[in-house]
Structures are given as structure tokens and as C-alpha cells.
Amino acid sequence: QVQLVESGGGLVQPGGSLRLSCVGSGFALTFYAMRWSRQGPGKARETVATIFSDGRTLIEDSVSGRFNISRDVEENTVYLEMNSLKTEATAVYYCNRLRGNYWGQGTQVTVSS
């Protein structure tokens, strides 16, 4: 059974940093493209970053240079490193496995002073 569990969200001040984790079970994430998305209050869900099975990454322009996606194959975990956070980054962040469209429950990130 495929499961994804996100963690690492919380309250952070503007300009701060957070690292989100997404632990996968029931599959080996090294063989799949994994993605972080977010949904802010009153907004549509949007893609943030993708890591492909070959390790290539794609960071959306809106967060390029500040966010980074990575993975730890041994820990079967995908990370989203977020730096220089802005208030507009406030959202629920989700990770998903593209093949099969599996999603985690999300983790709340609030950027506020």
C-alpha cells in the first residue's frame, strides 16, 4: 500500500527557512517522479518542485533560487528546503507520487511575523 506522510511544517517569520519531509512507504521512491505542491488560502493548488527518477529537478519560477527539492533514497524520503520565505508561501504543502497520483495529507506552513 502506497503511503506518503509529510512533516516539517509550522510557523516561521518572513525571511526564515523550513525543511519539509515526505516519507514514502509501500514503494521505492527512487523509481518514481515525486512532486511538492501547495495550496494557499483561497488559491488553487500549484506545483512547487519536482524530482524525477533520474534525479533531475525542476523548480517552479516563483520559488526558483529559494526552494530546493532533494531525496534520500535510503530513507525513502523527499525533502523540500525552503529559504527566504515570504508571506505568500503560506499554504498547505503536499507531496505526491506522479505515477498513480498518490498524495499525502499535507503539512501547514505559515509565514507570518
N, C-alpha and C. Protein backbone atom coordinates (compact mmCIF):
# COMPACT_ATOMS: atom_id res chain seq x y z
N GLN A 1 0.85 -1.19 0.00
CA GLN A 1 0.00 0.00 0.00
C GLN A 1 0.88 1.24 0.00
N VAL A 2 0.66 2.10 -0.99
CA VAL A 2 1.46 3.32 -1.09
C VAL A 2 0.95 4.35 -0.09
N GLN A 3 1.88 4.90 0.68
CA GLN A 3 1.54 5.96 1.61
C GLN A 3 2.62 7.04 1.56
N LEU A 4 2.18 8.27 1.75
CA LEU A 4 3.08 9.41 1.81
C LEU A 4 2.72 10.23 3.05
N VAL A 5 3.73 10.54 3.85
CA VAL A 5 3.48 11.29 5.08
C VAL A 5 4.41 12.49 5.11
N GLU A 6 3.81 13.68 5.09
CA GLU A 6 4.58 14.91 5.14
C GLU A 6 4.75 15.37 6.58
N SER A 7 5.82 16.10 6.82
CA SER A 7 6.06 16.71 8.13
C SER A 7 7.00 17.88 7.95
N GLY A 8 7.15 18.65 9.02
CA GLY A 8 8.12 19.74 9.00
C GLY A 8 7.50 21.12 8.86
N GLY A 9 6.20 21.18 8.68
CA GLY A 9 5.56 22.48 8.57
C GLY A 9 5.51 23.18 9.92
N GLY A 10 5.08 24.44 9.88
CA GLY A 10 4.98 25.20 11.12
C GLY A 10 4.90 26.68 10.83
N LEU A 11 5.09 27.45 11.88
CA LEU A 11 5.06 28.91 11.79
C LEU A 11 6.49 29.43 11.69
N VAL A 12 6.73 30.27 10.71
CA VAL A 12 8.06 30.84 10.52
C VAL A 12 7.92 32.30 10.14
N GLN A 13 8.87 33.09 10.53
CA GLN A 13 8.84 34.51 10.19
C GLN A 13 9.29 34.73 8.75
N PRO A 14 8.84 35.81 8.14
CA PRO A 14 9.33 36.13 6.79
C PRO A 14 10.85 36.19 6.77
N GLY A 15 11.40 35.62 5.71
CA GLY A 15 12.85 35.53 5.60
C GLY A 15 13.44 34.28 6.20
N GLY A 16 12.62 33.53 6.92
CA GLY A 16 13.09 32.31 7.56
C GLY A 16 13.13 31.12 6.63
N SER A 17 13.48 29.97 7.21
CA SER A 17 13.64 28.74 6.44
C SER A 17 12.91 27.59 7.11
N LEU A 18 12.51 26.64 6.31
CA LEU A 18 11.92 25.40 6.78
C LEU A 18 12.35 24.28 5.85
N ARG A 19 12.40 23.08 6.39
CA ARG A 19 12.62 21.91 5.55
C ARG A 19 11.46 20.94 5.77
N LEU A 20 10.77 20.66 4.71
CA LEU A 20 9.67 19.70 4.76
C LEU A 20 10.18 18.33 4.35
N SER A 21 9.58 17.30 4.96
CA SER A 21 9.93 15.92 4.64
C SER A 21 8.69 15.18 4.18
N CYS A 22 8.90 14.23 3.30
CA CYS A 22 7.82 13.37 2.82
C CYS A 22 8.37 11.95 2.80
N VAL A 23 7.89 11.14 3.74
CA VAL A 23 8.35 9.76 3.83
C VAL A 23 7.39 8.87 3.05
N GLY A 24 7.95 8.09 2.13
CA GLY A 24 7.14 7.17 1.36
C GLY A 24 7.23 5.76 1.91
N SER A 25 6.14 5.02 1.78
CA SER A 25 6.14 3.61 2.15
C SER A 25 5.34 2.85 1.12
N GLY A 26 5.66 1.57 0.98
CA GLY A 26 4.96 0.74 0.01
C GLY A 26 5.54 0.81 -1.39
N PHE A 27 6.59 1.58 -1.55
CA PHE A 27 7.25 1.69 -2.84
C PHE A 27 8.63 2.33 -2.62
N ALA A 28 9.49 2.20 -3.62
CA ALA A 28 10.82 2.82 -3.57
C ALA A 28 10.79 4.08 -4.41
N LEU A 29 10.90 5.23 -3.76
CA LEU A 29 10.71 6.49 -4.48
C LEU A 29 11.78 6.77 -5.52
N THR A 30 12.89 6.06 -5.45
CA THR A 30 13.94 6.28 -6.44
C THR A 30 13.47 5.96 -7.86
N PHE A 31 12.43 5.18 -7.98
CA PHE A 31 11.95 4.78 -9.29
C PHE A 31 10.82 5.67 -9.82
N TYR A 32 10.46 6.69 -9.04
CA TYR A 32 9.30 7.49 -9.40
C TYR A 32 9.60 8.98 -9.35
N ALA A 33 8.89 9.74 -10.17
CA ALA A 33 8.92 11.18 -10.06
C ALA A 33 8.05 11.59 -8.88
N MET A 34 8.60 12.48 -8.06
CA MET A 34 7.91 12.97 -6.87
C MET A 34 7.79 14.48 -6.95
N ARG A 35 6.73 15.00 -6.40
CA ARG A 35 6.45 16.43 -6.54
C ARG A 35 5.98 17.02 -5.22
N TRP A 36 6.37 18.27 -5.00
CA TRP A 36 5.79 19.08 -3.92
C TRP A 36 4.87 20.10 -4.57
N SER A 37 3.68 20.23 -3.99
CA SER A 37 2.71 21.22 -4.43
C SER A 37 2.22 21.97 -3.19
N ARG A 38 1.52 23.05 -3.40
CA ARG A 38 0.98 23.79 -2.27
C ARG A 38 -0.36 24.41 -2.65
N GLN A 39 -1.15 24.64 -1.62
CA GLN A 39 -2.43 25.30 -1.81
C GLN A 39 -2.61 26.34 -0.72
N GLY A 40 -2.54 27.60 -1.13
CA GLY A 40 -2.73 28.69 -0.19
C GLY A 40 -4.21 28.96 0.03
N PRO A 41 -4.53 29.74 1.06
CA PRO A 41 -5.93 30.05 1.35
C PRO A 41 -6.60 30.75 0.18
N GLY A 42 -7.70 30.19 -0.29
CA GLY A 42 -8.43 30.76 -1.39
C GLY A 42 -7.77 30.64 -2.74
N LYS A 43 -6.72 29.83 -2.82
CA LYS A 43 -5.99 29.69 -4.08
C LYS A 43 -6.07 28.26 -4.60
N ALA A 44 -5.79 28.13 -5.89
CA ALA A 44 -5.71 26.80 -6.48
C ALA A 44 -4.40 26.13 -6.09
N ARG A 45 -4.39 24.81 -6.11
CA ARG A 45 -3.16 24.09 -5.83
C ARG A 45 -2.16 24.35 -6.94
N GLU A 46 -0.90 24.55 -6.59
CA GLU A 46 0.12 24.81 -7.58
C GLU A 46 1.36 23.96 -7.32
N THR A 47 2.00 23.59 -8.41
CA THR A 47 3.24 22.83 -8.31
C THR A 47 4.37 23.73 -7.82
N VAL A 48 5.22 23.17 -6.96
CA VAL A 48 6.35 23.91 -6.43
C VAL A 48 7.66 23.35 -6.98
N ALA A 49 7.83 22.04 -6.88
CA ALA A 49 9.09 21.43 -7.30
C ALA A 49 8.87 19.96 -7.59
N THR A 50 9.67 19.45 -8.53
CA THR A 50 9.58 18.05 -8.94
C THR A 50 10.96 17.45 -8.98
N ILE A 51 11.08 16.20 -8.55
CA ILE A 51 12.32 15.45 -8.71
C ILE A 51 11.98 14.18 -9.46
N PHE A 52 12.72 13.96 -10.55
CA PHE A 52 12.43 12.82 -11.41
C PHE A 52 13.24 11.61 -10.96
N SER A 53 12.88 10.46 -11.52
CA SER A 53 13.52 9.22 -11.08
C SER A 53 15.03 9.23 -11.34
N ASP A 54 15.46 9.98 -12.35
CA ASP A 54 16.90 10.03 -12.63
C ASP A 54 17.62 11.10 -11.81
N GLY A 55 16.89 11.74 -10.92
CA GLY A 55 17.49 12.73 -10.04
C GLY A 55 17.41 14.17 -10.52
N ARG A 56 16.99 14.36 -11.76
CA ARG A 56 16.82 15.73 -12.24
C ARG A 56 15.73 16.42 -11.44
N THR A 57 15.90 17.74 -11.27
CA THR A 57 14.91 18.50 -10.53
C THR A 57 14.37 19.64 -11.37
N LEU A 58 13.17 20.03 -11.05
CA LEU A 58 12.53 21.16 -11.73
C LEU A 58 11.88 22.01 -10.65
N ILE A 59 12.33 23.24 -10.56
CA ILE A 59 11.81 24.16 -9.56
C ILE A 59 10.99 25.23 -10.28
N GLU A 60 9.80 25.50 -9.80
CA GLU A 60 8.96 26.49 -10.44
C GLU A 60 9.57 27.88 -10.31
N ASP A 61 9.33 28.71 -11.30
CA ASP A 61 9.96 30.04 -11.35
C ASP A 61 9.67 30.87 -10.11
N SER A 62 8.47 30.71 -9.55
CA SER A 62 8.06 31.55 -8.42
C SER A 62 8.92 31.31 -7.18
N VAL A 63 9.58 30.17 -7.10
CA VAL A 63 10.39 29.85 -5.92
C VAL A 63 11.82 29.51 -6.29
N SER A 64 12.14 29.65 -7.55
CA SER A 64 13.49 29.31 -8.01
C SER A 64 14.52 30.17 -7.29
N GLY A 65 15.60 29.51 -6.87
CA GLY A 65 16.66 30.21 -6.15
C GLY A 65 16.45 30.24 -4.65
N ARG A 66 15.24 29.91 -4.21
CA ARG A 66 14.95 29.91 -2.77
C ARG A 66 14.54 28.54 -2.26
N PHE A 67 13.92 27.75 -3.10
CA PHE A 67 13.47 26.41 -2.72
C PHE A 67 14.32 25.36 -3.43
N ASN A 68 14.45 24.22 -2.79
CA ASN A 68 15.18 23.12 -3.41
C ASN A 68 14.53 21.80 -3.04
N ILE A 69 14.46 20.89 -3.98
CA ILE A 69 13.91 19.57 -3.73
C ILE A 69 15.04 18.55 -3.80
N SER A 70 15.01 17.60 -2.90
CA SER A 70 16.03 16.56 -2.89
C SER A 70 15.41 15.28 -2.35
N ARG A 71 16.19 14.20 -2.38
CA ARG A 71 15.68 12.94 -1.86
C ARG A 71 16.80 12.17 -1.20
N ASP A 72 16.40 11.33 -0.28
CA ASP A 72 17.31 10.39 0.37
C ASP A 72 16.76 9.00 0.08
N VAL A 73 17.44 8.32 -0.80
CA VAL A 73 16.94 7.02 -1.25
C VAL A 73 16.91 6.01 -0.10
N GLU A 74 17.92 6.04 0.73
CA GLU A 74 17.96 5.08 1.85
C GLU A 74 16.84 5.32 2.84
N GLU A 75 16.51 6.60 3.05
CA GLU A 75 15.43 6.93 3.97
C GLU A 75 14.07 6.95 3.27
N ASN A 76 14.08 6.77 1.93
CA ASN A 76 12.84 6.81 1.13
C ASN A 76 12.06 8.09 1.41
N THR A 77 12.78 9.18 1.41
CA THR A 77 12.22 10.47 1.80
C THR A 77 12.56 11.53 0.76
N VAL A 78 11.58 12.37 0.49
CA VAL A 78 11.78 13.54 -0.36
C VAL A 78 11.70 14.78 0.51
N TYR A 79 12.57 15.73 0.25
CA TYR A 79 12.63 16.94 1.05
C TYR A 79 12.32 18.17 0.19
N LEU A 80 11.80 19.18 0.86
CA LEU A 80 11.65 20.50 0.24
C LEU A 80 12.30 21.50 1.18
N GLU A 81 13.43 22.02 0.75
CA GLU A 81 14.13 23.04 1.52
C GLU A 81 13.63 24.39 1.05
N MET A 82 13.13 25.19 2.00
CA MET A 82 12.55 26.49 1.67
C MET A 82 13.31 27.57 2.43
N ASN A 83 13.85 28.51 1.70
CA ASN A 83 14.61 29.61 2.27
C ASN A 83 14.00 30.94 1.86
N SER A 84 14.38 31.97 2.60
CA SER A 84 13.89 33.33 2.31
C SER A 84 12.37 33.33 2.11
N LEU A 85 11.70 32.73 3.05
CA LEU A 85 10.26 32.57 2.91
C LEU A 85 9.51 33.90 2.95
N LYS A 86 8.49 33.98 2.11
CA LYS A 86 7.65 35.15 2.02
C LYS A 86 6.26 34.81 2.55
N THR A 87 5.51 35.82 2.92
CA THR A 87 4.18 35.56 3.48
C THR A 87 3.28 34.81 2.49
N GLU A 88 3.50 35.05 1.20
CA GLU A 88 2.68 34.37 0.20
C GLU A 88 2.98 32.87 0.08
N ALA A 89 3.98 32.41 0.79
CA ALA A 89 4.27 30.98 0.82
C ALA A 89 3.37 30.24 1.80
N THR A 90 2.57 30.98 2.55
CA THR A 90 1.64 30.35 3.47
C THR A 90 0.68 29.45 2.70
N ALA A 91 0.67 28.17 3.08
CA ALA A 91 -0.12 27.20 2.33
C ALA A 91 -0.01 25.84 3.01
N VAL A 92 -0.86 24.93 2.58
CA VAL A 92 -0.67 23.53 2.92
C VAL A 92 0.19 22.94 1.81
N TYR A 93 1.26 22.27 2.21
CA TYR A 93 2.19 21.69 1.26
C TYR A 93 1.97 20.18 1.20
N TYR A 94 1.89 19.70 -0.02
CA TYR A 94 1.63 18.29 -0.25
C TYR A 94 2.77 17.68 -1.08
N CYS A 95 3.07 16.43 -0.80
CA CYS A 95 3.93 15.72 -1.73
C CYS A 95 3.07 14.67 -2.43
N ASN A 96 3.44 14.34 -3.65
CA ASN A 96 2.72 13.28 -4.35
C ASN A 96 3.63 12.53 -5.28
N ARG A 97 3.27 11.30 -5.51
CA ARG A 97 3.93 10.46 -6.50
C ARG A 97 3.14 10.60 -7.79
N LEU A 98 3.80 11.04 -8.83
CA LEU A 98 3.07 11.35 -10.05
C LEU A 98 2.41 10.11 -10.64
N ARG A 99 3.13 9.01 -10.70
CA ARG A 99 2.52 7.80 -11.26
C ARG A 99 1.55 7.23 -10.25
N GLY A 100 0.34 7.13 -10.66
CA GLY A 100 -0.69 6.63 -9.77
C GLY A 100 -1.38 7.72 -8.98
N ASN A 101 -0.80 8.95 -9.01
CA ASN A 101 -1.42 10.12 -8.38
C ASN A 101 -1.69 9.90 -6.89
N TYR A 102 -0.67 9.44 -6.17
CA TYR A 102 -0.79 9.27 -4.73
C TYR A 102 -0.38 10.56 -4.02
N TRP A 103 -1.15 10.91 -2.98
CA TRP A 103 -0.92 12.17 -2.26
C TRP A 103 -0.82 11.91 -0.77
N GLY A 104 -0.05 12.76 -0.12
CA GLY A 104 -0.02 12.76 1.33
C GLY A 104 -1.13 13.63 1.88
N GLN A 105 -1.16 13.77 3.20
CA GLN A 105 -2.23 14.52 3.85
C GLN A 105 -1.91 16.01 3.92
N GLY A 106 -0.67 16.37 3.67
CA GLY A 106 -0.28 17.76 3.67
C GLY A 106 0.27 18.22 5.01
N THR A 107 1.06 19.29 4.96
CA THR A 107 1.60 19.89 6.18
C THR A 107 1.47 21.41 6.03
N GLN A 108 1.01 22.06 7.07
CA GLN A 108 0.73 23.50 7.02
C GLN A 108 2.00 24.31 7.24
N VAL A 109 2.22 25.26 6.37
CA VAL A 109 3.30 26.23 6.52
C VAL A 109 2.68 27.62 6.62
N THR A 110 3.01 28.31 7.67
CA THR A 110 2.51 29.67 7.86
C THR A 110 3.70 30.61 8.00
N VAL A 111 3.75 31.59 7.13
CA VAL A 111 4.83 32.58 7.17
C VAL A 111 4.22 33.90 7.63
N SER A 112 4.59 34.29 8.83
CA SER A 112 3.99 35.47 9.42
C SER A 112 4.89 36.01 10.51
N SER A 113 4.83 37.33 10.67
CA SER A 113 5.59 37.96 11.76
C SER A 113 4.70 38.11 12.99
